[in-house]
Structure formats: structure tokens, C-alpha cells
């Protein structure tokens, strides 16, 4: 299996994160200050040099005053999956 960081879907996620930061009117440095991380951390995430986990994703969304669920829904639309599909045999 190909590492997710090298997939078109991950590129779409990075684009969504960049647009979210820009909509918030934040520079990489300003976002880094809000997250208490070096500005290079934000740059590496946006360039695909560092993988973002789910908890970090939520923290970045919060720092941009965005609702993580909304950002995720936009990401799903971007990759052509307007809604999450349930896995067969599993109930919600």
C-alpha cells in the first residue's frame, strides 16, 4: 500500500488546509504561534514533508477558527466523495 502522504487525496487535504489558513487570514508564522510550534512545522505540513494526524488536524482547524467537521466535509467533496461511506458489515 502506498503511503498516504504521497497520494492525490493527501495533496487535496494539504490544499484544503492551506485554503483554510488563508481564509482565516493567517500567515504560516501566525498559525505556528497559535499552535505553539515552529513555523517550519506549518510549512512542512503544507508542503507534504510532514504528515498530519487527526488530532493535529483538529488543532489546526481550531487555530484557524474553523469547524473540523466542516473542513473534513469540504475535503471529501474535493476528492469526489461527498459523504463518508459505511464499511460493509459495520453499523453506526
PDB file of N, CA and C in Angstrom:
ATOM      1  N   UNK A   1       0.839  -1.169   0.000  1.00  0.00           N
ATOM      2  CA  UNK A   1       0.000   0.000   0.000  1.00  0.00           C
ATOM      3  C   UNK A   1       0.895   1.247   0.000  1.00  0.00           C
ATOM      4  N   UNK A   2       0.541   2.191  -0.849  1.00  0.00           N
ATOM      5  CA  UNK A   2       1.283   3.447  -0.945  1.00  0.00           C
ATOM      6  C   UNK A   2       1.046   4.289   0.313  1.00  0.00           C
ATOM      7  N   UNK A   3       2.088   4.932   0.821  1.00  0.00           N
ATOM      8  CA  UNK A   3       1.925   5.794   1.984  1.00  0.00           C
ATOM      9  C   UNK A   3       0.979   6.925   1.617  1.00  0.00           C
ATOM     10  N   UNK A   4       0.056   7.246   2.521  1.00  0.00           N
ATOM     11  CA  UNK A   4      -0.983   8.222   2.209  1.00  0.00           C
ATOM     12  C   UNK A   4      -0.431   9.601   1.885  1.00  0.00           C
ATOM     13  N   UNK A   5       0.715   9.938   2.423  1.00  0.00           N
ATOM     14  CA  UNK A   5       1.276  11.275   2.203  1.00  0.00           C
ATOM     15  C   UNK A   5       1.645  11.493   0.738  1.00  0.00           C
ATOM     16  N   UNK A   6       1.758  10.418  -0.033  1.00  0.00           N
ATOM     17  CA  UNK A   6       2.144  10.504  -1.440  1.00  0.00           C
ATOM     18  C   UNK A   6       0.968  10.287  -2.390  1.00  0.00           C
ATOM     19  N   UNK A   7      -0.251  10.419  -1.908  1.00  0.00           N
ATOM     20  CA  UNK A   7      -1.433  10.177  -2.733  1.00  0.00           C
ATOM     21  C   UNK A   7      -2.083  11.486  -3.168  1.00  0.00           C
ATOM     22  N   UNK A   8      -2.875  11.429  -4.228  1.00  0.00           N
ATOM     23  CA  UNK A   8      -3.627  12.618  -4.641  1.00  0.00           C
ATOM     24  C   UNK A   8      -4.583  13.102  -3.542  1.00  0.00           C
ATOM     25  N   UNK A   9      -5.110  12.167  -2.762  1.00  0.00           N
ATOM     26  CA  UNK A   9      -6.020  12.554  -1.677  1.00  0.00           C
ATOM     27  C   UNK A   9      -5.301  13.389  -0.614  1.00  0.00           C
ATOM     28  N   UNK A  10      -4.065  13.021  -0.313  1.00  0.00           N
ATOM     29  CA  UNK A  10      -3.325  13.793   0.691  1.00  0.00           C
ATOM     30  C   UNK A  10      -2.968  15.168   0.139  1.00  0.00           C
ATOM     31  N   UNK A  11      -2.680  15.249  -1.164  1.00  0.00           N
ATOM     32  CA  UNK A  11      -2.436  16.551  -1.793  1.00  0.00           C
ATOM     33  C   UNK A  11      -3.683  17.420  -1.687  1.00  0.00           C
ATOM     34  N   UNK A  12      -4.858  16.812  -1.838  1.00  0.00           N
ATOM     35  CA  UNK A  12      -6.114  17.555  -1.696  1.00  0.00           C
ATOM     36  C   UNK A  12      -6.300  18.026  -0.256  1.00  0.00           C
ATOM     37  N   UNK A  13      -5.910  17.198   0.711  1.00  0.00           N
ATOM     38  CA  UNK A  13      -6.002  17.594   2.115  1.00  0.00           C
ATOM     39  C   UNK A  13      -5.075  18.777   2.387  1.00  0.00           C
ATOM     40  N   UNK A  14      -3.869  18.722   1.864  1.00  0.00           N
ATOM     41  CA  UNK A  14      -2.928  19.833   2.053  1.00  0.00           C
ATOM     42  C   UNK A  14      -3.478  21.118   1.443  1.00  0.00           C
ATOM     43  N   UNK A  15      -4.096  21.004   0.274  1.00  0.00           N
ATOM     44  CA  UNK A  15      -4.696  22.182  -0.368  1.00  0.00           C
ATOM     45  C   UNK A  15      -5.824  22.744   0.488  1.00  0.00           C
ATOM     46  N   UNK A  16      -6.611  21.866   1.060  1.00  0.00           N
ATOM     47  CA  UNK A  16      -7.714  22.298   1.933  1.00  0.00           C
ATOM     48  C   UNK A  16      -7.166  23.020   3.158  1.00  0.00           C
ATOM     49  N   UNK A  17      -6.107  22.503   3.746  1.00  0.00           N
ATOM     50  CA  UNK A  17      -5.509  23.135   4.924  1.00  0.00           C
ATOM     51  C   UNK A  17      -4.930  24.506   4.582  1.00  0.00           C
ATOM     52  N   UNK A  18      -4.274  24.606   3.438  1.00  0.00           N
ATOM     53  CA  UNK A  18      -3.716  25.881   3.011  1.00  0.00           C
ATOM     54  C   UNK A  18      -4.829  26.914   2.810  1.00  0.00           C
ATOM     55  N   UNK A  19      -5.892  26.506   2.122  1.00  0.00           N
ATOM     56  CA  UNK A  19      -7.010  27.420   1.897  1.00  0.00           C
ATOM     57  C   UNK A  19      -7.673  27.820   3.213  1.00  0.00           C
ATOM     58  N   UNK A  20      -7.778  26.892   4.147  1.00  0.00           N
ATOM     59  CA  UNK A  20      -8.359  27.195   5.448  1.00  0.00           C
ATOM     60  C   UNK A  20      -7.530  28.262   6.159  1.00  0.00           C
ATOM     61  N   UNK A  21      -6.212  28.100   6.135  1.00  0.00           N
ATOM     62  CA  UNK A  21      -5.332  29.086   6.774  1.00  0.00           C
ATOM     63  C   UNK A  21      -5.476  30.439   6.105  1.00  0.00           C
ATOM     64  N   UNK A  22      -5.517  30.446   4.788  1.00  0.00           N
ATOM     65  CA  UNK A  22      -5.639  31.705   4.063  1.00  0.00           C
ATOM     66  C   UNK A  22      -6.992  32.366   4.306  1.00  0.00           C
ATOM     67  N   UNK A  23      -8.077  31.583   4.371  1.00  0.00           N
ATOM     68  CA  UNK A  23      -9.406  32.139   4.689  1.00  0.00           C
ATOM     69  C   UNK A  23      -9.407  32.784   6.067  1.00  0.00           C
ATOM     70  N   UNK A  24      -8.617  32.216   6.980  1.00  0.00           N
ATOM     71  CA  UNK A  24      -8.521  32.762   8.336  1.00  0.00           C
ATOM     72  C   UNK A  24      -7.652  34.015   8.365  1.00  0.00           C
ATOM     73  N   UNK A  25      -6.995  34.321   7.245  1.00  0.00           N
ATOM     74  CA  UNK A  25      -6.142  35.497   7.176  1.00  0.00           C
ATOM     75  C   UNK A  25      -4.856  35.358   7.957  1.00  0.00           C
ATOM     76  N   UNK A  26      -4.374  34.123   8.081  1.00  0.00           N
ATOM     77  CA  UNK A  26      -3.177  33.851   8.869  1.00  0.00           C
ATOM     78  C   UNK A  26      -1.989  33.520   7.983  1.00  0.00           C
ATOM     79  N   UNK A  27      -0.838  34.007   8.370  1.00  0.00           N
ATOM     80  CA  UNK A  27       0.413  33.577   7.737  1.00  0.00           C
ATOM     81  C   UNK A  27       0.815  32.246   8.381  1.00  0.00           C
ATOM     82  N   UNK A  28       1.804  31.593   7.786  1.00  0.00           N
ATOM     83  CA  UNK A  28       2.308  30.365   8.405  1.00  0.00           C
ATOM     84  C   UNK A  28       2.850  30.659   9.802  1.00  0.00           C
ATOM     85  N   UNK A  29       3.533  31.771   9.950  1.00  0.00           N
ATOM     86  CA  UNK A  29       4.099  32.132  11.254  1.00  0.00           C
ATOM     87  C   UNK A  29       3.004  32.385  12.288  1.00  0.00           C
ATOM     88  N   UNK A  30       1.939  33.071  11.886  1.00  0.00           N
ATOM     89  CA  UNK A  30       0.841  33.345  12.822  1.00  0.00           C
ATOM     90  C   UNK A  30       0.155  32.050  13.258  1.00  0.00           C
ATOM     91  N   UNK A  31      -0.061  31.155  12.304  1.00  0.00           N
ATOM     92  CA  UNK A  31      -0.664  29.871  12.651  1.00  0.00           C
ATOM     93  C   UNK A  31       0.254  29.096  13.588  1.00  0.00           C
ATOM     94  N   UNK A  32       1.537  29.095  13.292  1.00  0.00           N
ATOM     95  CA  UNK A  32       2.508  28.396  14.144  1.00  0.00           C
ATOM     96  C   UNK A  32       2.472  28.950  15.565  1.00  0.00           C
ATOM     97  N   UNK A  33       2.381  30.265  15.700  1.00  0.00           N
ATOM     98  CA  UNK A  33       2.307  30.862  17.034  1.00  0.00           C
ATOM     99  C   UNK A  33       1.079  30.384  17.785  1.00  0.00           C
ATOM    100  N   UNK A  34      -0.053  30.310  17.097  1.00  0.00           N
ATOM    101  CA  UNK A  34      -1.285  29.827  17.732  1.00  0.00           C
ATOM    102  C   UNK A  34      -1.175  28.370  18.165  1.00  0.00           C
ATOM    103  N   UNK A  35      -0.417  27.601  17.396  1.00  0.00           N
ATOM    104  CA  UNK A  35      -0.264  26.170  17.686  1.00  0.00           C
ATOM    105  C   UNK A  35       0.911  25.874  18.624  1.00  0.00           C
ATOM    106  N   UNK A  36       1.729  26.890  18.897  1.00  0.00           N
ATOM    107  CA  UNK A  36       2.927  26.727  19.733  1.00  0.00           C
ATOM    108  C   UNK A  36       3.896  25.716  19.129  1.00  0.00           C
ATOM    109  N   UNK A  37       4.110  25.891  17.806  1.00  0.00           N
ATOM    110  CA  UNK A  37       5.062  25.059  17.071  1.00  0.00           C
ATOM    111  C   UNK A  37       5.954  25.992  16.244  1.00  0.00           C
ATOM    112  N   UNK A  38       7.112  25.506  15.800  1.00  0.00           N
ATOM    113  CA  UNK A  38       7.941  26.327  14.914  1.00  0.00           C
ATOM    114  C   UNK A  38       7.211  26.581  13.587  1.00  0.00           C
ATOM    115  N   UNK A  39       7.472  27.718  12.959  1.00  0.00           N
ATOM    116  CA  UNK A  39       6.789  27.996  11.693  1.00  0.00           C
ATOM    117  C   UNK A  39       7.153  26.958  10.635  1.00  0.00           C
ATOM    118  N   UNK A  40       8.311  26.346  10.763  1.00  0.00           N
ATOM    119  CA  UNK A  40       8.704  25.314   9.795  1.00  0.00           C
ATOM    120  C   UNK A  40       7.766  24.106   9.858  1.00  0.00           C
ATOM    121  N   UNK A  41       7.149  23.873  11.021  1.00  0.00           N
ATOM    122  CA  UNK A  41       6.196  22.764  11.161  1.00  0.00           C
ATOM    123  C   UNK A  41       5.022  22.984  10.218  1.00  0.00           C
ATOM    124  N   UNK A  42       4.484  24.202  10.206  1.00  0.00           N
ATOM    125  CA  UNK A  42       3.356  24.525   9.324  1.00  0.00           C
ATOM    126  C   UNK A  42       3.792  24.398   7.868  1.00  0.00           C
ATOM    127  N   UNK A  43       4.954  24.926   7.536  1.00  0.00           N
ATOM    128  CA  UNK A  43       5.455  24.847   6.159  1.00  0.00           C
ATOM    129  C   UNK A  43       5.603  23.391   5.722  1.00  0.00           C
ATOM    130  N   UNK A  44       6.154  22.562   6.575  1.00  0.00           N
ATOM    131  CA  UNK A  44       6.356  21.154   6.221  1.00  0.00           C
ATOM    132  C   UNK A  44       5.029  20.433   6.025  1.00  0.00           C
ATOM    133  N   UNK A  45       4.032  20.745   6.841  1.00  0.00           N
ATOM    134  CA  UNK A  45       2.704  20.144   6.657  1.00  0.00           C
ATOM    135  C   UNK A  45       2.135  20.559   5.300  1.00  0.00           C
ATOM    136  N   UNK A  46       2.200  21.855   5.006  1.00  0.00           N
ATOM    137  CA  UNK A  46       1.628  22.356   3.759  1.00  0.00           C
ATOM    138  C   UNK A  46       2.379  21.852   2.527  1.00  0.00           C
ATOM    139  N   UNK A  47       3.667  21.574   2.656  1.00  0.00           N
ATOM    140  CA  UNK A  47       4.467  21.066   1.534  1.00  0.00           C
ATOM    141  C   UNK A  47       4.415  19.544   1.403  1.00  0.00           C
ATOM    142  N   UNK A  48       3.819  18.876   2.373  1.00  0.00           N
ATOM    143  CA  UNK A  48       3.746  17.423   2.332  1.00  0.00           C
ATOM    144  C   UNK A  48       4.993  16.736   2.840  1.00  0.00           C
ATOM    145  N   UNK A  49       5.828  17.470   3.556  1.00  0.00           N
ATOM    146  CA  UNK A  49       7.046  16.887   4.124  1.00  0.00           C
ATOM    147  C   UNK A  49       6.806  16.323   5.517  1.00  0.00           C
ATOM    148  N   UNK A  50       5.653  16.653   6.092  1.00  0.00           N
ATOM    149  CA  UNK A  50       5.302  16.157   7.414  1.00  0.00           C
ATOM    150  C   UNK A  50       3.837  15.752   7.389  1.00  0.00           C
ATOM    151  N   UNK A  51       3.575  14.568   7.902  1.00  0.00           N
ATOM    152  CA  UNK A  51       2.218  14.043   7.926  1.00  0.00           C
ATOM    153  C   UNK A  51       1.461  14.600   9.116  1.00  0.00           C
ATOM    154  N   UNK A  52       0.192  14.904   8.907  1.00  0.00           N
ATOM    155  CA  UNK A  52      -0.670  15.452   9.943  1.00  0.00           C
ATOM    156  C   UNK A  52      -1.600  14.349  10.429  1.00  0.00           C
ATOM    157  N   UNK A  53      -1.669  14.143  11.749  1.00  0.00           N
ATOM    158  CA  UNK A  53      -2.615  13.144  12.245  1.00  0.00           C
ATOM    159  C   UNK A  53      -3.956  13.809  12.551  1.00  0.00           C
ATOM    160  N   UNK A  54      -4.938  13.030  12.935  1.00  0.00           N
ATOM    161  CA  UNK A  54      -6.294  13.532  13.140  1.00  0.00           C
ATOM    162  C   UNK A  54      -6.369  14.563  14.265  1.00  0.00           C
ATOM    163  N   UNK A  55      -5.676  14.333  15.351  1.00  0.00           N
ATOM    164  CA  UNK A  55      -5.680  15.272  16.472  1.00  0.00           C
ATOM    165  C   UNK A  55      -5.057  16.596  16.031  1.00  0.00           C
ATOM    166  N   UNK A  56      -3.947  16.515  15.302  1.00  0.00           N
ATOM    167  CA  UNK A  56      -3.306  17.732  14.800  1.00  0.00           C
ATOM    168  C   UNK A  56      -4.224  18.462  13.818  1.00  0.00           C
ATOM    169  N   UNK A  57      -4.898  17.718  12.968  1.00  0.00           N
ATOM    170  CA  UNK A  57      -5.854  18.301  12.026  1.00  0.00           C
ATOM    171  C   UNK A  57      -6.891  19.137  12.776  1.00  0.00           C
ATOM    172  N   UNK A  58      -7.437  18.582  13.840  1.00  0.00           N
ATOM    173  CA  UNK A  58      -8.446  19.301  14.631  1.00  0.00           C
ATOM    174  C   UNK A  58      -7.851  20.543  15.285  1.00  0.00           C
ATOM    175  N   UNK A  59      -6.634  20.449  15.772  1.00  0.00           N
ATOM    176  CA  UNK A  59      -5.976  21.609  16.385  1.00  0.00           C
ATOM    177  C   UNK A  59      -5.718  22.710  15.367  1.00  0.00           C
ATOM    178  N   UNK A  60      -5.305  22.329  14.166  1.00  0.00           N
ATOM    179  CA  UNK A  60      -5.070  23.319  13.120  1.00  0.00           C
ATOM    180  C   UNK A  60      -6.392  23.998  12.751  1.00  0.00           C
ATOM    181  N   UNK A  61      -7.447  23.222  12.582  1.00  0.00           N
ATOM    182  CA  UNK A  61      -8.756  23.804  12.266  1.00  0.00           C
ATOM    183  C   UNK A  61      -9.188  24.770  13.358  1.00  0.00           C
ATOM    184  N   UNK A  62      -9.066  24.347  14.604  1.00  0.00           N
ATOM    185  CA  UNK A  62      -9.434  25.225  15.723  1.00  0.00           C
ATOM    186  C   UNK A  62      -8.627  26.520  15.701  1.00  0.00           C
ATOM    187  N   UNK A  63      -7.338  26.422  15.438  1.00  0.00           N
ATOM    188  CA  UNK A  63      -6.471  27.608  15.405  1.00  0.00           C
ATOM    189  C   UNK A  63      -6.861  28.556  14.279  1.00  0.00           C
ATOM    190  N   UNK A  64      -7.504  28.022  13.247  1.00  0.00           N
ATOM    191  CA  UNK A  64      -7.976  28.843  12.130  1.00  0.00           C
ATOM    192  C   UNK A  64      -9.444  29.247  12.312  1.00  0.00           C
ATOM    193  N   UNK A  65      -9.988  28.976  13.500  1.00  0.00           N
ATOM    194  CA  UNK A  65     -11.391  29.285  13.806  1.00  0.00           C
ATOM    195  C   UNK A  65     -12.339  28.598  12.826  1.00  0.00           C
ATOM    196  N   UNK A  66     -11.994  27.370  12.448  1.00  0.00           N
ATOM    197  CA  UNK A  66     -12.813  26.577  11.537  1.00  0.00           C
ATOM    198  C   UNK A  66     -13.322  25.343  12.269  1.00  0.00           C
ATOM    199  N   UNK A  67     -14.470  24.871  11.863  1.00  0.00           N
ATOM    200  CA  UNK A  67     -15.045  23.657  12.433  1.00  0.00           C
ATOM    201  C   UNK A  67     -14.407  22.460  11.730  1.00  0.00           C
ATOM    202  N   UNK A  68     -13.691  21.600  12.472  1.00  0.00           N
ATOM    203  CA  UNK A  68     -13.016  20.460  11.830  1.00  0.00           C
ATOM    204  C   UNK A  68     -13.948  19.617  10.956  1.00  0.00           C
ATOM    205  N   UNK A  69     -15.175  19.406  11.400  1.00  0.00           N
ATOM    206  CA  UNK A  69     -16.116  18.594  10.618  1.00  0.00           C
ATOM    207  C   UNK A  69     -16.392  19.259   9.264  1.00  0.00           C
ATOM    208  N   UNK A  70     -16.550  20.568   9.271  1.00  0.00           N
ATOM    209  CA  UNK A  70     -16.819  21.304   8.028  1.00  0.00           C
ATOM    210  C   UNK A  70     -15.623  21.206   7.084  1.00  0.00           C
ATOM    211  N   UNK A  71     -14.431  21.363   7.620  1.00  0.00           N
ATOM    212  CA  UNK A  71     -13.215  21.269   6.804  1.00  0.00           C
ATOM    213  C   UNK A  71     -13.109  19.865   6.205  1.00  0.00           C
ATOM    214  N   UNK A  72     -13.412  18.850   7.013  1.00  0.00           N
ATOM    215  CA  UNK A  72     -13.353  17.475   6.522  1.00  0.00           C
ATOM    216  C   UNK A  72     -14.384  17.247   5.422  1.00  0.00           C
ATOM    217  N   UNK A  73     -15.585  17.796   5.587  1.00  0.00           N
ATOM    218  CA  UNK A  73     -16.620  17.650   4.559  1.00  0.00           C
ATOM    219  C   UNK A  73     -16.182  18.308   3.251  1.00  0.00           C
ATOM    220  N   UNK A  74     -15.544  19.469   3.343  1.00  0.00           N
ATOM    221  CA  UNK A  74     -15.025  20.128   2.139  1.00  0.00           C
ATOM    222  C   UNK A  74     -13.949  19.272   1.483  1.00  0.00           C
ATOM    223  N   UNK A  75     -13.092  18.675   2.293  1.00  0.00           N
ATOM    224  CA  UNK A  75     -12.060  17.779   1.775  1.00  0.00           C
ATOM    225  C   UNK A  75     -12.702  16.602   1.039  1.00  0.00           C
ATOM    226  N   UNK A  76     -13.719  16.009   1.625  1.00  0.00           N
ATOM    227  CA  UNK A  76     -14.387  14.865   0.994  1.00  0.00           C
ATOM    228  C   UNK A  76     -14.996  15.262  -0.346  1.00  0.00           C
ATOM    229  N   UNK A  77     -15.567  16.442  -0.426  1.00  0.00           N
ATOM    230  CA  UNK A  77     -16.111  16.904  -1.706  1.00  0.00           C
ATOM    231  C   UNK A  77     -14.991  17.115  -2.717  1.00  0.00           C
ATOM    232  N   UNK A  78     -13.882  17.636  -2.249  1.00  0.00           N
ATOM    233  CA  UNK A  78     -12.731  17.901  -3.128  1.00  0.00           C
ATOM    234  C   UNK A  78     -12.239  16.611  -3.782  1.00  0.00           C
ATOM    235  N   UNK A  79     -12.255  15.511  -3.038  1.00  0.00           N
ATOM    236  CA  UNK A  79     -11.752  14.248  -3.593  1.00  0.00           C
ATOM    237  C   UNK A  79     -12.848  13.431  -4.267  1.00  0.00           C
ATOM    238  N   UNK A  80     -14.050  14.013  -4.354  1.00  0.00           N
ATOM    239  CA  UNK A  80     -15.125  13.340  -5.073  1.00  0.00           C
ATOM    240  C   UNK A  80     -15.917  12.352  -4.255  1.00  0.00           C
ATOM    241  N   UNK A  81     -15.877  12.497  -2.956  1.00  0.00           N
ATOM    242  CA  UNK A  81     -16.675  11.644  -2.071  1.00  0.00           C
ATOM    243  C   UNK A  81     -17.499  12.558  -1.169  1.00  0.00           C
ATOM    244  N   UNK A  82     -18.676  12.951  -1.629  1.00  0.00           N
ATOM    245  CA  UNK A  82     -19.459  13.936  -0.888  1.00  0.00           C
ATOM    246  C   UNK A  82     -19.899  13.484   0.498  1.00  0.00           C
ATOM    247  N   UNK A  83     -19.890  12.219   0.747  1.00  0.00           N
ATOM    248  CA  UNK A  83     -20.225  11.740   2.091  1.00  0.00           C
ATOM    249  C   UNK A  83     -19.410  10.497   2.395  1.00  0.00           C
ATOM    250  N   UNK A  84     -19.164  10.264   3.650  1.00  0.00           N
ATOM    251  CA  UNK A  84     -18.427   9.062   4.050  1.00  0.00           C
ATOM    252  C   UNK A  84     -19.314   7.848   3.818  1.00  0.00           C
ATOM    253  N   UNK A  85     -18.729   6.821   3.282  1.00  0.00           N
ATOM    254  CA  UNK A  85     -19.478   5.599   3.049  1.00  0.00           C
ATOM    255  C   UNK A  85     -19.184   4.620   4.167  1.00  0.00           C
ATOM    256  N   UNK A  86     -20.225   3.941   4.593  1.00  0.00           N
ATOM    257  CA  UNK A  86     -20.019   2.944   5.643  1.00  0.00           C
ATOM    258  C   UNK A  86     -19.352   1.711   5.070  1.00  0.00           C
ATOM    259  N   UNK A  87     -18.525   1.109   5.888  1.00  0.00           N
ATOM    260  CA  UNK A  87     -17.901  -0.150   5.506  1.00  0.00           C
ATOM    261  C   UNK A  87     -18.927  -1.255   5.671  1.00  0.00           C
ATOM    262  N   UNK A  88     -18.962  -2.166   4.728  1.00  0.00           N
ATOM    263  CA  UNK A  88     -19.921  -3.284   4.797  1.00  0.00           C
ATOM    264  C   UNK A  88     -19.773  -4.051   6.100  1.00  0.00           C
ATOM    265  N   UNK A  89     -20.886  -4.401   6.677  1.00  0.00           N
ATOM    266  CA  UNK A  89     -20.871  -5.224   7.873  1.00  0.00           C
ATOM    267  C   UNK A  89     -20.719  -4.442   9.172  1.00  0.00           C
ATOM    268  N   UNK A  90     -20.513  -3.159   9.078  1.00  0.00           N
ATOM    269  CA  UNK A  90     -20.378  -2.340  10.278  1.00  0.00           C
ATOM    270  C   UNK A  90     -21.594  -1.453  10.417  1.00  0.00           C
ATOM    271  N   UNK A  91     -22.033  -1.288  11.622  1.00  0.00           N
ATOM    272  CA  UNK A  91     -23.151  -0.390  11.867  1.00  0.00           C
ATOM    273  C   UNK A  91     -22.642   0.869  12.516  1.00  0.00           C
ATOM    274  N   UNK A  92     -23.427   1.911  12.415  1.00  0.00           N
ATOM    275  CA  UNK A  92     -23.033   3.187  13.014  1.00  0.00           C
ATOM    276  C   UNK A  92     -23.402   3.263  14.443  1.00  0.00           C
TER     277      UNK A  92
END
